[in-house]
Amino acid sequence: MNLITKISSWGNQHHPKWVDFLRIILGLILIWKGIAFALNLTAFSALMRETNIGIATSISFLAHVIIALHLIGGLFITLGSYTRLFCLLNLPIVFVAVFFVNSNPDIFRPYAELWLSVMVLLLLGTFLILGNGIISVERRQAVQ
């Protein structure tokens, strides 16, 4: 049995029901951030330009990919379908947000985005291991 299968089976066995509510909140936060980025696309692109993210590719294309991954990934994580896949796809985006975008001198100002990004990063890592859980679309389909 390889390492990924071991992690997957451990996560499926050690998953209390209350943790599913954290997964749902994580998905809703990703959807909310995707909508916020889409509504403020010019500011989002300017932020990416300021932090020199997206030099290798078009900043507009990269911004649209991030928005799509947040919206689609947030929906699937909320529903509990392909949770590990979408956590894995969103992990590098949030990692860059924590260590490159939000690491400025004003991180201790009120309503700083760093703390939300750190929380989302930790939750993405957690659900990458734990998976869908009991309250999920995939579990419901397996029972029927």
C-alpha atoms as a PDB file:
ATOM      1  CA  MET A   1       0.000   0.000   0.000  1.00  0.00           C
ATOM      2  CA  ASN A   2       1.500   3.328  -0.979  1.00  0.00           C
ATOM      3  CA  LEU A   3       1.654   6.462   1.140  1.00  0.00           C
ATOM      4  CA  ILE A   4      -1.309   8.232  -0.493  1.00  0.00           C
ATOM      5  CA  THR A   5      -3.579   5.245   0.112  1.00  0.00           C
ATOM      6  CA  LYS A   6      -2.461   5.051   3.747  1.00  0.00           C
ATOM      7  CA  ILE A   7      -3.158   8.754   4.288  1.00  0.00           C
ATOM      8  CA  SER A   8      -6.535   8.443   2.554  1.00  0.00           C
ATOM      9  CA  SER A   9      -7.643   5.464   4.645  1.00  0.00           C
ATOM     10  CA  TRP A  10      -6.436   7.100   7.872  1.00  0.00           C
ATOM     11  CA  GLY A  11      -8.342  10.284   7.004  1.00  0.00           C
ATOM     12  CA  ASN A  12     -11.517   8.333   6.249  1.00  0.00           C
ATOM     13  CA  GLN A  13     -11.363   6.461   9.568  1.00  0.00           C
ATOM     14  CA  HIS A  14     -10.571   9.471  11.774  1.00  0.00           C
ATOM     15  CA  HIS A  15     -13.103  12.026  10.591  1.00  0.00           C
ATOM     16  CA  PRO A  16     -15.654  13.274  13.151  1.00  0.00           C
ATOM     17  CA  LYS A  17     -18.900  14.784  11.916  1.00  0.00           C
ATOM     18  CA  TRP A  18     -18.248  18.283  13.336  1.00  0.00           C
ATOM     19  CA  VAL A  19     -15.162  18.639  11.122  1.00  0.00           C
ATOM     20  CA  ASP A  20     -17.465  18.545   8.088  1.00  0.00           C
ATOM     21  CA  PHE A  21     -18.868  21.907   9.137  1.00  0.00           C
ATOM     22  CA  LEU A  22     -15.332  23.341   8.954  1.00  0.00           C
ATOM     23  CA  ARG A  23     -15.051  21.879   5.431  1.00  0.00           C
ATOM     24  CA  ILE A  24     -18.303  23.565   4.440  1.00  0.00           C
ATOM     25  CA  ILE A  25     -17.114  26.899   5.882  1.00  0.00           C
ATOM     26  CA  LEU A  26     -13.811  26.518   4.022  1.00  0.00           C
ATOM     27  CA  GLY A  27     -15.670  25.978   0.751  1.00  0.00           C
ATOM     28  CA  LEU A  28     -17.876  29.006   1.358  1.00  0.00           C
ATOM     29  CA  ILE A  29     -14.824  31.167   2.123  1.00  0.00           C
ATOM     30  CA  LEU A  30     -13.224  30.083  -1.160  1.00  0.00           C
ATOM     31  CA  ILE A  31     -16.426  30.900  -3.055  1.00  0.00           C
ATOM     32  CA  TRP A  32     -16.634  34.285  -1.313  1.00  0.00           C
ATOM     33  CA  LYS A  33     -13.018  35.131  -2.190  1.00  0.00           C
ATOM     34  CA  GLY A  34     -13.544  33.987  -5.789  1.00  0.00           C
ATOM     35  CA  ILE A  35     -16.552  36.289  -6.116  1.00  0.00           C
ATOM     36  CA  ALA A  36     -14.646  39.154  -4.468  1.00  0.00           C
ATOM     37  CA  PHE A  37     -11.730  38.675  -6.877  1.00  0.00           C
ATOM     38  CA  ALA A  38     -14.100  38.531  -9.870  1.00  0.00           C
ATOM     39  CA  LEU A  39     -15.929  41.708  -8.827  1.00  0.00           C
ATOM     40  CA  ASN A  40     -12.622  43.543  -8.338  1.00  0.00           C
ATOM     41  CA  LEU A  41     -10.673  42.054 -11.237  1.00  0.00           C
ATOM     42  CA  THR A  42      -8.710  45.207 -12.023  1.00  0.00           C
ATOM     43  CA  ALA A  43      -7.583  45.627  -8.408  1.00  0.00           C
ATOM     44  CA  PHE A  44      -6.769  41.910  -8.215  1.00  0.00           C
ATOM     45  CA  SER A  45      -4.673  42.113 -11.406  1.00  0.00           C
ATOM     46  CA  ALA A  46      -2.928  45.235 -10.091  1.00  0.00           C
ATOM     47  CA  LEU A  47      -2.095  43.428  -6.840  1.00  0.00           C
ATOM     48  CA  MET A  48      -0.627  40.533  -8.796  1.00  0.00           C
ATOM     49  CA  ARG A  49       1.386  42.987 -10.921  1.00  0.00           C
ATOM     50  CA  GLU A  50       2.738  44.750  -7.792  1.00  0.00           C
ATOM     51  CA  THR A  51       3.927  41.496  -6.236  1.00  0.00           C
ATOM     52  CA  ASN A  52       5.450  40.276  -9.529  1.00  0.00           C
ATOM     53  CA  ILE A  53       3.213  37.216  -9.654  1.00  0.00           C
ATOM     54  CA  GLY A  54       2.343  36.032 -13.106  1.00  0.00           C
ATOM     55  CA  ILE A  55       5.430  37.253 -14.946  1.00  0.00           C
ATOM     56  CA  ALA A  56       5.767  33.979 -16.873  1.00  0.00           C
ATOM     57  CA  THR A  57       2.127  33.982 -17.940  1.00  0.00           C
ATOM     58  CA  SER A  58      -0.433  36.604 -18.678  1.00  0.00           C
ATOM     59  CA  ILE A  59      -1.643  38.200 -15.458  1.00  0.00           C
ATOM     60  CA  SER A  60      -5.201  38.313 -16.759  1.00  0.00           C
ATOM     61  CA  PHE A  61      -5.143  34.594 -17.588  1.00  0.00           C
ATOM     62  CA  LEU A  62      -3.665  33.738 -14.179  1.00  0.00           C
ATOM     63  CA  ALA A  63      -6.271  35.891 -12.415  1.00  0.00           C
ATOM     64  CA  HIS A  64      -9.072  34.081 -14.230  1.00  0.00           C
ATOM     65  CA  VAL A  65      -7.583  30.669 -13.361  1.00  0.00           C
ATOM     66  CA  ILE A  66      -7.380  31.635  -9.675  1.00  0.00           C
ATOM     67  CA  ILE A  67     -10.965  32.889  -9.693  1.00  0.00           C
ATOM     68  CA  ALA A  68     -12.207  29.721 -11.409  1.00  0.00           C
ATOM     69  CA  LEU A  69     -10.315  27.437  -9.016  1.00  0.00           C
ATOM     70  CA  HIS A  70     -11.684  29.326  -6.008  1.00  0.00           C
ATOM     71  CA  LEU A  71     -15.270  29.235  -7.284  1.00  0.00           C
ATOM     72  CA  ILE A  72     -15.341  25.663  -8.590  1.00  0.00           C
ATOM     73  CA  GLY A  73     -13.092  24.315  -5.837  1.00  0.00           C
ATOM     74  CA  GLY A  74     -15.113  26.088  -3.154  1.00  0.00           C
ATOM     75  CA  LEU A  75     -18.334  24.608  -4.518  1.00  0.00           C
ATOM     76  CA  PHE A  76     -16.946  21.083  -4.645  1.00  0.00           C
ATOM     77  CA  ILE A  77     -15.342  21.372  -1.190  1.00  0.00           C
ATOM     78  CA  THR A  78     -18.627  22.677   0.244  1.00  0.00           C
ATOM     79  CA  LEU A  79     -20.554  19.777  -1.274  1.00  0.00           C
ATOM     80  CA  GLY A  80     -17.922  17.248  -0.241  1.00  0.00           C
ATOM     81  CA  SER A  81     -17.049  15.964  -3.679  1.00  0.00           C
ATOM     82  CA  TYR A  82     -13.440  15.645  -4.898  1.00  0.00           C
ATOM     83  CA  THR A  83     -12.373  17.461  -1.735  1.00  0.00           C
ATOM     84  CA  ARG A  84      -8.773  16.255  -1.785  1.00  0.00           C
ATOM     85  CA  LEU A  85      -8.322  17.195  -5.444  1.00  0.00           C
ATOM     86  CA  PHE A  86      -9.633  20.740  -5.042  1.00  0.00           C
ATOM     87  CA  CYS A  87      -7.720  21.245  -1.793  1.00  0.00           C
ATOM     88  CA  LEU A  88      -4.577  20.224  -3.666  1.00  0.00           C
ATOM     89  CA  LEU A  89      -5.362  22.607  -6.552  1.00  0.00           C
ATOM     90  CA  ASN A  90      -6.088  25.563  -4.226  1.00  0.00           C
ATOM     91  CA  LEU A  91      -3.128  24.911  -1.914  1.00  0.00           C
ATOM     92  CA  PRO A  92      -0.449  26.594  -4.101  1.00  0.00           C
ATOM     93  CA  ILE A  93      -2.668  29.639  -4.661  1.00  0.00           C
ATOM     94  CA  VAL A  94      -3.224  30.200  -0.955  1.00  0.00           C
ATOM     95  CA  PHE A  95       0.425  29.380  -0.205  1.00  0.00           C
ATOM     96  CA  VAL A  96       1.503  32.209  -2.534  1.00  0.00           C
ATOM     97  CA  ALA A  97      -1.109  34.485  -0.935  1.00  0.00           C
ATOM     98  CA  VAL A  98       0.281  33.811   2.542  1.00  0.00           C
ATOM     99  CA  PHE A  99       3.988  34.055   1.818  1.00  0.00           C
ATOM    100  CA  PHE A 100       4.186  36.596  -1.006  1.00  0.00           C
ATOM    101  CA  VAL A 101       1.054  38.711  -1.284  1.00  0.00           C
ATOM    102  CA  ASN A 102       0.079  39.188   2.364  1.00  0.00           C
ATOM    103  CA  SER A 103       3.587  39.428   3.802  1.00  0.00           C
ATOM    104  CA  ASN A 104       3.775  43.197   4.012  1.00  0.00           C
ATOM    105  CA  PRO A 105       4.556  45.492   6.961  1.00  0.00           C
ATOM    106  CA  ASP A 106       0.861  46.139   7.653  1.00  0.00           C
ATOM    107  CA  ILE A 107      -0.007  42.550   8.640  1.00  0.00           C
ATOM    108  CA  PHE A 108      -1.058  43.616  12.119  1.00  0.00           C
ATOM    109  CA  ARG A 109      -3.537  46.227  10.914  1.00  0.00           C
ATOM    110  CA  PRO A 110      -7.202  45.549  11.590  1.00  0.00           C
ATOM    111  CA  TYR A 111      -8.885  43.234   9.076  1.00  0.00           C
ATOM    112  CA  ALA A 112      -5.590  42.032   7.625  1.00  0.00           C
ATOM    113  CA  GLU A 113      -6.034  39.294   5.032  1.00  0.00           C
ATOM    114  CA  LEU A 114      -3.003  37.357   6.272  1.00  0.00           C
ATOM    115  CA  TRP A 115      -4.847  35.684   9.122  1.00  0.00           C
ATOM    116  CA  LEU A 116      -7.682  34.535   6.879  1.00  0.00           C
ATOM    117  CA  SER A 117      -5.167  33.221   4.344  1.00  0.00           C
ATOM    118  CA  VAL A 118      -3.240  31.323   7.035  1.00  0.00           C
ATOM    119  CA  MET A 119      -6.466  29.787   8.351  1.00  0.00           C
ATOM    120  CA  VAL A 120      -7.534  28.759   4.832  1.00  0.00           C
ATOM    121  CA  LEU A 121      -4.064  27.316   4.154  1.00  0.00           C
ATOM    122  CA  LEU A 122      -4.217  25.209   7.322  1.00  0.00           C
ATOM    123  CA  LEU A 123      -7.738  24.017   6.541  1.00  0.00           C
ATOM    124  CA  LEU A 124      -6.788  23.103   2.964  1.00  0.00           C
ATOM    125  CA  GLY A 125      -3.909  21.008   4.308  1.00  0.00           C
ATOM    126  CA  THR A 126      -6.195  19.397   6.867  1.00  0.00           C
ATOM    127  CA  PHE A 127      -8.866  18.421   4.346  1.00  0.00           C
ATOM    128  CA  LEU A 128      -6.232  17.261   1.889  1.00  0.00           C
ATOM    129  CA  ILE A 129      -5.559  14.550   4.483  1.00  0.00           C
ATOM    130  CA  LEU A 130      -9.042  14.044   5.951  1.00  0.00           C
ATOM    131  CA  GLY A 131     -11.050  14.128   2.729  1.00  0.00           C
ATOM    132  CA  ASN A 132     -14.814  14.476   2.368  1.00  0.00           C
ATOM    133  CA  GLY A 133     -16.224  13.193   5.619  1.00  0.00           C
ATOM    134  CA  ILE A 134     -19.633  11.946   6.649  1.00  0.00           C
ATOM    135  CA  ILE A 135     -21.705  14.927   5.475  1.00  0.00           C
ATOM    136  CA  SER A 136     -20.829  14.893   1.775  1.00  0.00           C
ATOM    137  CA  VAL A 137     -22.274  14.214  -1.646  1.00  0.00           C
ATOM    138  CA  GLU A 138     -19.862  11.351  -2.281  1.00  0.00           C
ATOM    139  CA  ARG A 139     -20.743   9.626   0.997  1.00  0.00           C
ATOM    140  CA  ARG A 140     -24.444  10.009   0.262  1.00  0.00           C
ATOM    141  CA  GLN A 141     -24.034   8.424  -3.178  1.00  0.00           C
ATOM    142  CA  ALA A 142     -22.030   5.523  -1.708  1.00  0.00           C
ATOM    143  CA  VAL A 143     -24.801   4.785   0.851  1.00  0.00           C
ATOM    144  CA  GLN A 144     -27.558   4.688  -1.777  1.00  0.00           C
END
